[in-house]
C-alpha atoms as a PDB file:
ATOM      1  CA  MET A   1     -15.750 108.473  75.583  1.00  0.00           C
ATOM      2  CA  LYS A   2     -15.452 107.203  72.036  1.00  0.00           C
ATOM      3  CA  ASN A   3     -14.549 103.724  73.272  1.00  0.00           C
ATOM      4  CA  LYS A   4     -17.556 103.642  75.588  1.00  0.00           C
ATOM      5  CA  LEU A   5     -19.863 104.795  72.781  1.00  0.00           C
ATOM      6  CA  GLY A   6     -18.412 102.172  70.458  1.00  0.00           C
ATOM      7  CA  LYS A   7     -18.992  99.430  73.003  1.00  0.00           C
ATOM      8  CA  VAL A   8     -22.580 100.550  73.513  1.00  0.00           C
ATOM      9  CA  LEU A   9     -23.218 100.606  69.776  1.00  0.00           C
ATOM     10  CA  ARG A  10     -21.697  97.132  69.374  1.00  0.00           C
ATOM     11  CA  VAL A  11     -23.888  95.744  72.180  1.00  0.00           C
ATOM     12  CA  MET A  12     -26.976  97.365  70.639  1.00  0.00           C
ATOM     13  CA  LEU A  13     -26.103  95.983  67.199  1.00  0.00           C
ATOM     14  CA  LEU A  14     -25.565  92.481  68.624  1.00  0.00           C
ATOM     15  CA  THR A  15     -28.865  92.646  70.491  1.00  0.00           C
ATOM     16  CA  LEU A  16     -30.687  93.800  67.360  1.00  0.00           C
ATOM     17  CA  THR A  17     -29.106  90.992  65.292  1.00  0.00           C
ATOM     18  CA  ILE A  18     -30.156  88.332  67.813  1.00  0.00           C
ATOM     19  CA  ALA A  19     -33.682  89.752  67.924  1.00  0.00           C
ATOM     20  CA  LEU A  20     -33.951  89.725  64.141  1.00  0.00           C
ATOM     21  CA  MET A  21     -32.665  86.145  63.923  1.00  0.00           C
ATOM     22  CA  TYR A  22     -35.144  85.024  66.583  1.00  0.00           C
ATOM     23  CA  SER A  23     -37.943  86.845  64.768  1.00  0.00           C
ATOM     24  CA  MET A  24     -37.017  85.152  61.491  1.00  0.00           C
ATOM     25  CA  ASN A  25     -36.905  81.698  63.111  1.00  0.00           C
ATOM     26  CA  VAL A  26     -40.267  82.191  64.818  1.00  0.00           C
ATOM     27  CA  SER A  27     -41.744  83.435  61.543  1.00  0.00           C
ATOM     28  CA  ALA A  28     -40.319  80.464  59.624  1.00  0.00           C
ATOM     29  CA  ALA A  29     -41.852  77.996  62.071  1.00  0.00           C
ATOM     30  CA  SER A  30     -45.115  79.872  62.656  1.00  0.00           C
ATOM     31  CA  GLY A  31     -46.926  78.112  59.783  1.00  0.00           C
ATOM     32  CA  GLN A  32     -48.254  74.588  60.069  1.00  0.00           C
ATOM     33  CA  ALA A  33     -46.047  73.167  57.307  1.00  0.00           C
ATOM     34  CA  SER A  34     -43.155  73.892  54.996  1.00  0.00           C
ATOM     35  CA  ILE A  35     -41.719  72.701  51.680  1.00  0.00           C
ATOM     36  CA  GLY A  36     -37.993  73.281  51.667  1.00  0.00           C
ATOM     37  CA  SER A  37     -37.412  76.830  52.927  1.00  0.00           C
ATOM     38  CA  LYS A  38     -40.913  78.001  52.062  1.00  0.00           C
ATOM     39  CA  ASN A  39     -43.404  78.236  54.887  1.00  0.00           C
ATOM     40  CA  TYR A  40     -47.177  77.652  54.594  1.00  0.00           C
ATOM     41  CA  ALA A  41     -49.805  78.891  57.002  1.00  0.00           C
ATOM     42  CA  THR A  42     -51.816  75.653  56.752  1.00  0.00           C
ATOM     43  CA  VAL A  43     -51.113  72.064  55.795  1.00  0.00           C
ATOM     44  CA  GLN A  44     -53.805  72.286  53.136  1.00  0.00           C
ATOM     45  CA  LYS A  45     -51.973  75.157  51.405  1.00  0.00           C
ATOM     46  CA  ALA A  46     -48.787  73.086  51.378  1.00  0.00           C
ATOM     47  CA  LEU A  47     -50.698  70.137  49.884  1.00  0.00           C
ATOM     48  CA  THR A  48     -52.016  72.419  47.146  1.00  0.00           C
ATOM     49  CA  ALA A  49     -48.539  73.724  46.327  1.00  0.00           C
ATOM     50  CA  VAL A  50     -46.491  70.494  46.490  1.00  0.00           C
ATOM     51  CA  GLN A  51     -44.642  69.384  43.349  1.00  0.00           C
ATOM     52  CA  ASN A  52     -43.251  66.049  42.196  1.00  0.00           C
ATOM     53  CA  GLY A  53     -40.433  64.740  44.417  1.00  0.00           C
ATOM     54  CA  GLN A  54     -40.888  67.315  47.177  1.00  0.00           C
ATOM     55  CA  THR A  55     -41.377  66.775  50.912  1.00  0.00           C
ATOM     56  CA  ILE A  56     -44.000  68.474  53.054  1.00  0.00           C
ATOM     57  CA  LYS A  57     -42.789  68.795  56.633  1.00  0.00           C
ATOM     58  CA  LEU A  58     -45.004  69.640  59.598  1.00  0.00           C
ATOM     59  CA  ASN A  59     -43.769  72.416  61.879  1.00  0.00           C
ATOM     60  CA  LYS A  60     -46.178  71.825  64.746  1.00  0.00           C
ATOM     61  CA  ASP A  61     -49.054  69.671  65.998  1.00  0.00           C
ATOM     62  CA  VAL A  62     -52.219  70.164  63.949  1.00  0.00           C
ATOM     63  CA  THR A  63     -55.910  69.855  64.858  1.00  0.00           C
ATOM     64  CA  LEU A  64     -58.303  69.183  61.973  1.00  0.00           C
ATOM     65  CA  LYS A  65     -61.763  70.717  61.858  1.00  0.00           C
ATOM     66  CA  ASP A  66     -62.325  69.843  58.194  1.00  0.00           C
ATOM     67  CA  THR A  67     -61.084  67.178  55.767  1.00  0.00           C
ATOM     68  CA  LEU A  68     -57.420  67.387  54.783  1.00  0.00           C
ATOM     69  CA  LEU A  69     -57.366  66.748  51.019  1.00  0.00           C
ATOM     70  CA  PHE A  70     -54.437  65.129  49.207  1.00  0.00           C
ATOM     71  CA  LYS A  71     -55.469  65.736  45.583  1.00  0.00           C
ATOM     72  CA  LYS A  72     -52.253  66.683  43.769  1.00  0.00           C
ATOM     73  CA  ASN A  73     -51.427  64.023  41.173  1.00  0.00           C
ATOM     74  CA  VAL A  74     -47.688  63.905  41.945  1.00  0.00           C
ATOM     75  CA  THR A  75     -45.307  61.752  43.975  1.00  0.00           C
ATOM     76  CA  TYR A  76     -44.202  63.273  47.290  1.00  0.00           C
ATOM     77  CA  THR A  77     -43.502  62.671  50.997  1.00  0.00           C
ATOM     78  CA  PHE A  78     -45.628  63.821  53.923  1.00  0.00           C
ATOM     79  CA  ASP A  79     -43.226  64.025  56.858  1.00  0.00           C
ATOM     80  CA  MET A  80     -45.046  64.589  60.134  1.00  0.00           C
ATOM     81  CA  ASN A  81     -41.674  65.478  61.645  1.00  0.00           C
ATOM     82  CA  LYS A  82     -42.478  63.864  65.040  1.00  0.00           C
ATOM     83  CA  HIS A  83     -45.640  65.946  65.319  1.00  0.00           C
ATOM     84  CA  LYS A  84     -49.251  64.896  65.827  1.00  0.00           C
ATOM     85  CA  ILE A  85     -52.379  65.373  63.708  1.00  0.00           C
ATOM     86  CA  THR A  86     -55.657  65.075  65.617  1.00  0.00           C
ATOM     87  CA  SER A  87     -59.114  65.098  64.062  1.00  0.00           C
ATOM     88  CA  LYS A  88     -61.888  67.102  65.722  1.00  0.00           C
ATOM     89  CA  ILE A  89     -64.237  66.788  62.743  1.00  0.00           C
ATOM     90  CA  ILE A  90     -67.790  66.430  64.045  1.00  0.00           C
ATOM     91  CA  ASP A  91     -69.527  65.411  60.806  1.00  0.00           C
ATOM     92  CA  GLU A  92     -69.242  61.598  60.602  1.00  0.00           C
ATOM     93  CA  ASP A  93     -69.830  61.709  56.822  1.00  0.00           C
ATOM     94  CA  LYS A  94     -66.564  63.588  56.316  1.00  0.00           C
ATOM     95  CA  CYS A  95     -63.150  61.978  55.998  1.00  0.00           C
ATOM     96  CA  ASP A  96     -60.268  63.033  58.221  1.00  0.00           C
ATOM     97  CA  LEU A  97     -57.458  62.716  55.664  1.00  0.00           C
ATOM     98  CA  GLU A  98     -58.469  61.829  52.096  1.00  0.00           C
ATOM     99  CA  ILE A  99     -55.927  60.875  49.420  1.00  0.00           C
ATOM    100  CA  LYS A 100     -57.773  61.370  46.125  1.00  0.00           C
ATOM    101  CA  ALA A 101     -54.831  61.331  43.693  1.00  0.00           C
ATOM    102  CA  GLY A 102     -51.072  60.999  43.491  1.00  0.00           C
ATOM    103  CA  LYS A 103     -48.570  58.844  45.360  1.00  0.00           C
ATOM    104  CA  VAL A 104     -47.813  59.959  48.887  1.00  0.00           C
ATOM    105  CA  THR A 105     -45.495  58.522  51.540  1.00  0.00           C
ATOM    106  CA  PHE A 106     -46.357  59.091  55.212  1.00  0.00           C
ATOM    107  CA  THR A 107     -43.634  58.982  57.848  1.00  0.00           C
ATOM    108  CA  ASN A 108     -42.395  60.017  61.269  1.00  0.00           C
ATOM    109  CA  GLY A 109     -45.360  61.155  63.377  1.00  0.00           C
ATOM    110  CA  THR A 110     -48.681  60.377  65.033  1.00  0.00           C
ATOM    111  CA  LEU A 111     -52.020  60.455  63.227  1.00  0.00           C
ATOM    112  CA  ASN A 112     -54.991  60.448  65.603  1.00  0.00           C
ATOM    113  CA  ALA A 113     -57.316  60.329  62.633  1.00  0.00           C
ATOM    114  CA  SER A 114     -58.392  58.072  59.774  1.00  0.00           C
ATOM    115  CA  VAL A 115     -56.660  58.191  56.396  1.00  0.00           C
ATOM    116  CA  PHE A 116     -58.644  57.224  53.274  1.00  0.00           C
ATOM    117  CA  THR A 117     -56.869  56.221  50.043  1.00  0.00           C
ATOM    118  CA  ARG A 118     -59.238  56.402  47.076  1.00  0.00           C
ATOM    119  CA  LYS A 119     -59.219  54.482  43.792  1.00  0.00           C
ATOM    120  CA  GLY A 120     -56.360  55.656  41.581  1.00  0.00           C
ATOM    121  CA  ALA A 121     -54.322  56.984  44.505  1.00  0.00           C
ATOM    122  CA  ALA A 122     -51.467  55.331  46.384  1.00  0.00           C
ATOM    123  CA  LEU A 123     -50.250  55.496  49.985  1.00  0.00           C
ATOM    124  CA  THR A 124     -46.974  54.187  51.391  1.00  0.00           C
ATOM    125  CA  VAL A 125     -46.493  54.101  55.161  1.00  0.00           C
ATOM    126  CA  ASN A 126     -42.845  54.270  56.254  1.00  0.00           C
ATOM    127  CA  GLY A 127     -43.246  54.478  60.013  1.00  0.00           C
ATOM    128  CA  GLY A 128     -45.316  56.432  62.495  1.00  0.00           C
ATOM    129  CA  ASN A 129     -48.384  55.835  64.635  1.00  0.00           C
ATOM    130  CA  TYR A 130     -51.874  55.676  63.142  1.00  0.00           C
ATOM    131  CA  LYS A 131     -55.460  55.292  64.273  1.00  0.00           C
ATOM    132  CA  GLN A 132     -57.028  53.817  61.125  1.00  0.00           C
ATOM    133  CA  ILE A 133     -56.029  53.172  57.501  1.00  0.00           C
ATOM    134  CA  LEU A 134     -58.732  52.585  54.862  1.00  0.00           C
ATOM    135  CA  ASN A 135     -57.982  51.636  51.260  1.00  0.00           C
ATOM    136  CA  TRP A 136     -59.791  51.666  47.902  1.00  0.00           C
ATOM    137  CA  GLY A 137     -56.636  52.232  45.822  1.00  0.00           C
ATOM    138  CA  LYS A 138     -53.146  50.976  46.617  1.00  0.00           C
ATOM    139  CA  THR A 139     -51.652  50.978  50.103  1.00  0.00           C
ATOM    140  CA  VAL A 140     -48.271  49.602  51.184  1.00  0.00           C
ATOM    141  CA  ILE A 141     -47.387  49.520  54.880  1.00  0.00           C
ATOM    142  CA  ASN A 142     -43.645  49.000  55.210  1.00  0.00           C
ATOM    143  CA  LYS A 143     -43.633  49.647  58.956  1.00  0.00           C
ATOM    144  CA  GLY A 144     -45.714  51.443  61.528  1.00  0.00           C
ATOM    145  CA  SER A 145     -48.138  51.068  64.423  1.00  0.00           C
ATOM    146  CA  ILE A 146     -51.914  51.087  63.844  1.00  0.00           C
ATOM    147  CA  VAL A 147     -53.996  50.942  67.036  1.00  0.00           C
ATOM    148  CA  ASN A 148     -57.760  51.454  67.242  1.00  0.00           C
ATOM    149  CA  SER A 149     -59.479  51.016  70.615  1.00  0.00           C
ATOM    150  CA  LYS A 150     -63.004  51.341  69.137  1.00  0.00           C
ATOM    151  CA  TYR A 151     -63.170  50.000  65.579  1.00  0.00           C
ATOM    152  CA  SER A 152     -61.091  48.129  62.969  1.00  0.00           C
ATOM    153  CA  ALA A 153     -57.508  49.264  62.412  1.00  0.00           C
ATOM    154  CA  ILE A 154     -56.967  48.502  58.698  1.00  0.00           C
ATOM    155  CA  CYS A 155     -59.794  48.211  56.143  1.00  0.00           C
ATOM    156  CA  ASN A 156     -59.568  47.221  52.478  1.00  0.00           C
ATOM    157  CA  TYR A 157     -62.663  47.874  50.340  1.00  0.00           C
ATOM    158  CA  SER A 158     -61.067  47.444  46.897  1.00  0.00           C
ATOM    159  CA  GLY A 159     -57.663  47.690  45.247  1.00  0.00           C
ATOM    160  CA  THR A 160     -54.556  46.216  46.858  1.00  0.00           C
ATOM    161  CA  LEU A 161     -53.173  46.327  50.375  1.00  0.00           C
ATOM    162  CA  LEU A 162     -49.700  45.034  51.267  1.00  0.00           C
ATOM    163  CA  VAL A 163     -48.462  44.877  54.859  1.00  0.00           C
ATOM    164  CA  LYS A 164     -44.752  44.133  55.093  1.00  0.00           C
ATOM    165  CA  LYS A 165     -44.398  44.776  58.805  1.00  0.00           C
ATOM    166  CA  ALA A 166     -46.654  46.496  61.324  1.00  0.00           C
ATOM    167  CA  THR A 167     -47.839  46.412  64.915  1.00  0.00           C
ATOM    168  CA  VAL A 168     -51.639  46.317  64.873  1.00  0.00           C
ATOM    169  CA  LYS A 169     -54.274  46.239  67.639  1.00  0.00           C
ATOM    170  CA  ALA A 170     -58.013  46.714  67.234  1.00  0.00           C
ATOM    171  CA  ASN A 171     -61.284  46.402  69.116  1.00  0.00           C
ATOM    172  CA  TYR A 172     -62.920  45.051  65.949  1.00  0.00           C
ATOM    173  CA  ASN A 173     -60.728  43.494  63.250  1.00  0.00           C
ATOM    174  CA  CYS A 174     -57.035  44.217  62.925  1.00  0.00           C
ATOM    175  CA  VAL A 175     -57.612  43.780  59.191  1.00  0.00           C
ATOM    176  CA  TYR A 176     -61.108  43.982  57.690  1.00  0.00           C
ATOM    177  CA  ALA A 177     -60.944  42.822  54.059  1.00  0.00           C
ATOM    178  CA  ASP A 178     -64.226  43.632  52.343  1.00  0.00           C
ATOM    179  CA  ALA A 179     -62.950  43.096  48.772  1.00  0.00           C
ATOM    180  CA  GLY A 180     -59.814  43.479  46.666  1.00  0.00           C
ATOM    181  CA  THR A 181     -56.521  41.787  47.525  1.00  0.00           C
ATOM    182  CA  VAL A 182     -54.767  41.831  50.899  1.00  0.00           C
ATOM    183  CA  THR A 183     -51.273  40.402  51.442  1.00  0.00           C
ATOM    184  CA  ILE A 184     -49.560  40.261  54.832  1.00  0.00           C
ATOM    185  CA  ASN A 185     -45.869  39.345  54.948  1.00  0.00           C
ATOM    186  CA  GLY A 186     -45.192  40.017  58.612  1.00  0.00           C
ATOM    187  CA  GLY A 187     -45.974  41.992  61.740  1.00  0.00           C
ATOM    188  CA  ASP A 188     -47.830  41.583  65.022  1.00  0.00           C
ATOM    189  CA  PHE A 189     -51.650  41.498  64.953  1.00  0.00           C
ATOM    190  CA  ARG A 190     -53.731  41.047  68.084  1.00  0.00           C
ATOM    191  CA  SER A 191     -57.066  41.870  69.703  1.00  0.00           C
ATOM    192  CA  TYR A 192     -57.079  45.125  71.666  1.00  0.00           C
ATOM    193  CA  SER A 193     -58.150  43.380  74.888  1.00  0.00           C
ATOM    194  CA  ASP A 194     -59.569  40.087  76.151  1.00  0.00           C
ATOM    195  CA  ALA A 195     -63.047  41.595  75.698  1.00  0.00           C
ATOM    196  CA  THR A 196     -62.580  41.897  71.915  1.00  0.00           C
ATOM    197  CA  SER A 197     -64.915  39.355  70.301  1.00  0.00           C
ATOM    198  CA  TYR A 198     -64.109  40.049  66.642  1.00  0.00           C
ATOM    199  CA  PRO A 199     -61.688  38.005  64.512  1.00  0.00           C
ATOM    200  CA  VAL A 200     -58.190  39.396  64.094  1.00  0.00           C
ATOM    201  CA  ILE A 201     -58.345  38.911  60.300  1.00  0.00           C
ATOM    202  CA  TYR A 202     -61.734  39.027  58.542  1.00  0.00           C
ATOM    203  CA  SER A 203     -62.474  38.482  54.840  1.00  0.00           C
ATOM    204  CA  GLU A 204     -65.930  39.349  53.554  1.00  0.00           C
ATOM    205  CA  ASN A 205     -65.307  38.754  49.861  1.00  0.00           C
ATOM    206  CA  ALA A 206     -61.612  39.476  49.435  1.00  0.00           C
ATOM    207  CA  THR A 207     -58.543  37.572  48.339  1.00  0.00           C
ATOM    208  CA  VAL A 208     -56.280  37.342  51.392  1.00  0.00           C
ATOM    209  CA  ASN A 209     -52.723  35.980  51.419  1.00  0.00           C
ATOM    210  CA  LEU A 210     -51.220  35.427  54.876  1.00  0.00           C
ATOM    211  CA  LYS A 211     -47.513  34.719  54.423  1.00  0.00           C
ATOM    212  CA  GLY A 212     -46.128  35.565  57.839  1.00  0.00           C
ATOM    213  CA  GLY A 213     -46.652  37.452  61.064  1.00  0.00           C
ATOM    214  CA  ARG A 214     -47.892  36.803  64.576  1.00  0.00           C
ATOM    215  CA  TYR A 215     -51.661  36.720  65.241  1.00  0.00           C
ATOM    216  CA  VAL A 216     -53.107  36.589  68.770  1.00  0.00           C
ATOM    217  CA  HIS A 217     -56.745  36.389  69.883  1.00  0.00           C
ATOM    218  CA  LEU A 218     -57.605  36.613  73.592  1.00  0.00           C
ATOM    219  CA  TYR A 219     -61.419  36.316  73.662  1.00  0.00           C
ATOM    220  CA  TRP A 220     -62.798  33.347  75.620  1.00  0.00           C
ATOM    221  CA  ASN A 221     -65.460  32.403  73.040  1.00  0.00           C
ATOM    222  CA  THR A 222     -65.022  31.024  69.512  1.00  0.00           C
ATOM    223  CA  ALA A 223     -64.811  34.196  67.443  1.00  0.00           C
ATOM    224  CA  GLY A 224     -62.039  32.885  65.242  1.00  0.00           C
ATOM    225  CA  ILE A 225     -58.599  34.346  64.765  1.00  0.00           C
ATOM    226  CA  VAL A 226     -59.001  34.223  60.965  1.00  0.00           C
ATOM    227  CA  TYR A 227     -62.579  34.332  59.633  1.00  0.00           C
ATOM    228  CA  ASN A 228     -63.353  33.865  55.949  1.00  0.00           C
ATOM    229  CA  LYS A 229     -66.999  34.559  55.125  1.00  0.00           C
ATOM    230  CA  ASN A 230     -67.039  34.356  51.339  1.00  0.00           C
ATOM    231  CA  GLY A 231     -63.546  35.185  50.166  1.00  0.00           C
ATOM    232  CA  LYS A 232     -60.460  33.308  49.094  1.00  0.00           C
ATOM    233  CA  VAL A 233     -57.852  32.931  51.834  1.00  0.00           C
ATOM    234  CA  THR A 234     -54.421  31.327  51.446  1.00  0.00           C
ATOM    235  CA  ILE A 235     -52.255  30.798  54.533  1.00  0.00           C
ATOM    236  CA  SER A 236     -48.636  29.849  53.827  1.00  0.00           C
ATOM    237  CA  GLY A 237     -46.921  31.091  56.975  1.00  0.00           C
ATOM    238  CA  GLY A 238     -47.274  32.856  60.300  1.00  0.00           C
ATOM    239  CA  ASN A 239     -48.011  32.037  63.917  1.00  0.00           C
ATOM    240  CA  TYR A 240     -51.659  31.961  65.078  1.00  0.00           C
ATOM    241  CA  GLY A 241     -52.690  31.440  68.695  1.00  0.00           C
ATOM    242  CA  GLY A 242     -54.899  32.325  71.628  1.00  0.00           C
ATOM    243  CA  THR A 243     -57.641  31.167  73.961  1.00  0.00           C
ATOM    244  CA  CYS A 244     -60.156  30.296  71.244  1.00  0.00           C
ATOM    245  CA  ALA A 245     -58.072  30.991  68.161  1.00  0.00           C
ATOM    246  CA  SER A 246     -59.822  28.820  65.608  1.00  0.00           C
ATOM    247  CA  ILE A 247     -59.559  29.295  61.858  1.00  0.00           C
ATOM    248  CA  GLN A 248     -63.102  29.746  60.525  1.00  0.00           C
ATOM    249  CA  ASN A 249     -63.776  29.094  56.845  1.00  0.00           C
ATOM    250  CA  TYR A 250     -67.095  29.570  55.051  1.00  0.00           C
ATOM    251  CA  GLY A 251     -65.581  30.372  51.643  1.00  0.00           C
ATOM    252  CA  THR A 252     -62.444  29.008  49.973  1.00  0.00           C
ATOM    253  CA  MET A 253     -59.317  28.426  52.039  1.00  0.00           C
ATOM    254  CA  THR A 254     -55.949  26.793  51.451  1.00  0.00           C
ATOM    255  CA  ILE A 255     -53.517  26.145  54.320  1.00  0.00           C
ATOM    256  CA  LYS A 256     -49.987  25.477  53.068  1.00  0.00           C
ATOM    257  CA  GLY A 257     -47.973  26.398  56.144  1.00  0.00           C
ATOM    258  CA  GLY A 258     -47.952  28.206  59.461  1.00  0.00           C
ATOM    259  CA  THR A 259     -48.260  27.292  63.134  1.00  0.00           C
ATOM    260  CA  PHE A 260     -51.753  27.248  64.681  1.00  0.00           C
ATOM    261  CA  SER A 261     -52.763  26.743  68.315  1.00  0.00           C
ATOM    262  CA  SER A 262     -56.144  27.111  70.015  1.00  0.00           C
ATOM    263  CA  GLU A 263     -56.357  26.413  73.738  1.00  0.00           C
ATOM    264  CA  ASN A 264     -60.098  25.721  74.123  1.00  0.00           C
ATOM    265  CA  SER A 265     -61.635  25.175  70.701  1.00  0.00           C
ATOM    266  CA  PRO A 266     -61.202  23.125  67.514  1.00  0.00           C
ATOM    267  CA  ILE A 267     -58.367  24.653  65.540  1.00  0.00           C
ATOM    268  CA  LEU A 268     -60.306  24.640  62.251  1.00  0.00           C
ATOM    269  CA  HIS A 269     -64.025  25.053  61.562  1.00  0.00           C
ATOM    270  CA  CYS A 270     -65.325  24.515  58.018  1.00  0.00           C
ATOM    271  CA  GLY A 271     -68.827  25.844  57.383  1.00  0.00           C
ATOM    272  CA  ALA A 272     -71.532  24.888  54.923  1.00  0.00           C
ATOM    273  CA  LYS A 273     -70.601  25.533  51.266  1.00  0.00           C
ATOM    274  CA  SER A 274     -66.925  25.838  52.229  1.00  0.00           C
ATOM    275  CA  THR A 275     -63.933  24.501  50.314  1.00  0.00           C
ATOM    276  CA  THR A 276     -60.935  23.777  52.536  1.00  0.00           C
ATOM    277  CA  THR A 277     -57.588  22.327  51.465  1.00  0.00           C
ATOM    278  CA  VAL A 278     -54.810  21.591  53.973  1.00  0.00           C
ATOM    279  CA  THR A 279     -51.429  20.573  52.531  1.00  0.00           C
ATOM    280  CA  GLY A 280     -49.097  21.879  55.247  1.00  0.00           C
ATOM    281  CA  GLY A 281     -48.793  23.670  58.544  1.00  0.00           C
ATOM    282  CA  GLU A 282     -48.864  22.573  62.175  1.00  0.00           C
ATOM    283  CA  LEU A 283     -52.358  22.643  63.714  1.00  0.00           C
ATOM    284  CA  THR A 284     -52.805  22.087  67.471  1.00  0.00           C
ATOM    285  CA  SER A 285     -56.187  21.965  69.209  1.00  0.00           C
ATOM    286  CA  GLY A 286     -56.815  22.009  72.960  1.00  0.00           C
ATOM    287  CA  SER A 287     -60.463  21.017  72.560  1.00  0.00           C
ATOM    288  CA  THR A 288     -61.601  17.796  74.265  1.00  0.00           C
ATOM    289  CA  ILE A 289     -64.167  17.190  71.495  1.00  0.00           C
ATOM    290  CA  CYS A 290     -62.265  17.350  68.208  1.00  0.00           C
ATOM    291  CA  GLY A 291     -59.427  18.984  66.349  1.00  0.00           C
ATOM    292  CA  ILE A 292     -61.385  19.946  63.218  1.00  0.00           C
ATOM    293  CA  GLU A 293     -65.142  20.534  62.905  1.00  0.00           C
ATOM    294  CA  ILE A 294     -66.896  20.335  59.514  1.00  0.00           C
ATOM    295  CA  ASP A 295     -70.497  21.423  58.923  1.00  0.00           C
ATOM    296  CA  LYS A 296     -73.028  19.650  56.746  1.00  0.00           C
ATOM    297  CA  GLY A 297     -73.213  20.908  53.163  1.00  0.00           C
ATOM    298  CA  ARG A 298     -69.500  21.560  52.800  1.00  0.00           C
ATOM    299  CA  LYS A 299     -68.252  21.519  49.210  1.00  0.00           C
ATOM    300  CA  LYS A 300     -64.901  19.948  50.020  1.00  0.00           C
ATOM    301  CA  PHE A 301     -62.518  19.225  52.858  1.00  0.00           C
ATOM    302  CA  SER A 302     -59.128  17.703  52.109  1.00  0.00           C
ATOM    303  CA  MET A 303     -56.123  17.244  54.412  1.00  0.00           C
ATOM    304  CA  THR A 304     -53.218  15.650  52.553  1.00  0.00           C
ATOM    305  CA  GLY A 305     -50.314  17.135  54.455  1.00  0.00           C
ATOM    306  CA  GLY A 306     -49.241  19.029  57.540  1.00  0.00           C
ATOM    307  CA  THR A 307     -49.689  18.037  61.187  1.00  0.00           C
ATOM    308  CA  LEU A 308     -52.873  17.831  63.279  1.00  0.00           C
ATOM    309  CA  LYS A 309     -52.158  17.529  66.990  1.00  0.00           C
ATOM    310  CA  THR A 310     -54.802  16.942  69.669  1.00  0.00           C
ATOM    311  CA  TYR A 311     -54.827  15.588  73.186  1.00  0.00           C
ATOM    312  CA  THR A 312     -57.603  13.179  74.275  1.00  0.00           C
ATOM    313  CA  VAL A 313     -60.581  13.782  71.942  1.00  0.00           C
ATOM    314  CA  MET A 314     -63.635  11.979  70.655  1.00  0.00           C
ATOM    315  CA  ALA A 315     -62.380  12.305  67.089  1.00  0.00           C
ATOM    316  CA  LEU A 316     -59.745  14.158  65.129  1.00  0.00           C
ATOM    317  CA  VAL A 317     -62.436  15.335  62.723  1.00  0.00           C
ATOM    318  CA  ILE A 318     -66.150  15.657  63.457  1.00  0.00           C
ATOM    319  CA  CYS A 319     -68.490  15.906  60.451  1.00  0.00           C
ATOM    320  CA  HIS A 320     -72.049  17.094  60.950  1.00  0.00           C
ATOM    321  CA  GLY A 321     -74.700  15.192  58.991  1.00  0.00           C
ATOM    322  CA  ASP A 322     -72.393  13.047  56.852  1.00  0.00           C
ATOM    323  CA  LYS A 323     -68.807  12.774  55.676  1.00  0.00           C
ATOM    324  CA  LYS A 324     -69.341  13.422  51.991  1.00  0.00           C
ATOM    325  CA  ASN A 325     -66.507  15.256  50.237  1.00  0.00           C
ATOM    326  CA  VAL A 326     -64.206  14.775  53.233  1.00  0.00           C
ATOM    327  CA  THR A 327     -60.653  13.433  52.782  1.00  0.00           C
ATOM    328  CA  LEU A 328     -58.223  12.836  55.655  1.00  0.00           C
ATOM    329  CA  ASP A 329     -55.099  11.186  54.258  1.00  0.00           C
ATOM    330  CA  LYS A 330     -53.570   9.352  57.210  1.00  0.00           C
ATOM    331  CA  LYS A 331     -50.478   8.440  55.201  1.00  0.00           C
ATOM    332  CA  LYS A 332     -49.569  11.962  54.090  1.00  0.00           C
ATOM    333  CA  ALA A 333     -50.815  13.958  57.099  1.00  0.00           C
ATOM    334  CA  ASN A 334     -49.147  13.652  60.492  1.00  0.00           C
ATOM    335  CA  LEU A 335     -51.926  12.862  63.020  1.00  0.00           C
ATOM    336  CA  ILE A 336     -50.943  13.064  66.707  1.00  0.00           C
ATOM    337  CA  GLY A 337     -53.020  12.454  69.837  1.00  0.00           C
ATOM    338  CA  GLU A 338     -55.294   9.947  71.555  1.00  0.00           C
ATOM    339  CA  ARG A 339     -58.802   9.685  70.087  1.00  0.00           C
ATOM    340  CA  TRP A 340     -61.748   7.351  69.789  1.00  0.00           C
ATOM    341  CA  ALA A 341     -61.913   7.818  66.021  1.00  0.00           C
ATOM    342  CA  ASP A 342     -60.207   9.618  63.193  1.00  0.00           C
ATOM    343  CA  ILE A 343     -63.509  10.813  61.668  1.00  0.00           C
ATOM    344  CA  SER A 344     -66.839  10.854  63.469  1.00  0.00           C
ATOM    345  CA  VAL A 345     -70.265  11.735  62.017  1.00  0.00           C
ATOM    346  CA  GLN A 346     -72.735  13.507  64.284  1.00  0.00           C
END
């Protein structure tokens, strides 16, 4: 009798222990986020409590109905822990995630929302999937995927943006550089579909340094794979190609290196008031008209190096109006292809 009672008590005790452990585990994971062993009911409460050097870890998928504010002026990691954050914010004037201060590193999850980094704040992206990244402060993308089927994927309005490696697709621009400084060292950048008519890289008034990466534009018309409206763009490396993947310059541009190929359009278009210097790179045009097109009123065009390859064209370079301020050094530049003329004025 005693043995039976002892066995029953042991079974009851074991059952109670398991139940308590399960209850504790459920309780520990019931909040949206945690810092170390401490659990927080919402991500916002964890962001308010975080201290220097700590890591916030998501415990579950999160749906936002209001802006998630990163305003603690400390350095910390925001680990999405393979979870997903989705914005359901209706008010278009509100941000999804807003980094107002501090230095935060994002990693390891999916962000179906836009993240804003304000002046004085810093964001580092160390992996994960993102919908849109917008910068006014300092943003470094070490690796990650940024895909936007409606708008631009990465936007820089001021401050500095550095992309070391990323996979980027966008219906508008993969990178929209309004101002500030943008540097791209590598990655894969391409239009979201063959219906995307926007340039892959666009500079409004920014300094843009393209040092590497793969850039692909699929649209059938001449939208330009890199479009410089009024900024300063330097291309020293990378691979640029597509159906009509011309480089369009209306500001200041220097091409030092890289491989460029456009199937159906001139590879380089220089607009009025533009300054264009080509000292390197391999430029290939599939156009039957010309390899390079230069508008009237240009400030300067100079090609003293690199390779310009065409097939059968009217001229390697067509100048509209006149050929003032145009230099094509046939001794220093490698010019390949059948043509009626090296430079033609139309």
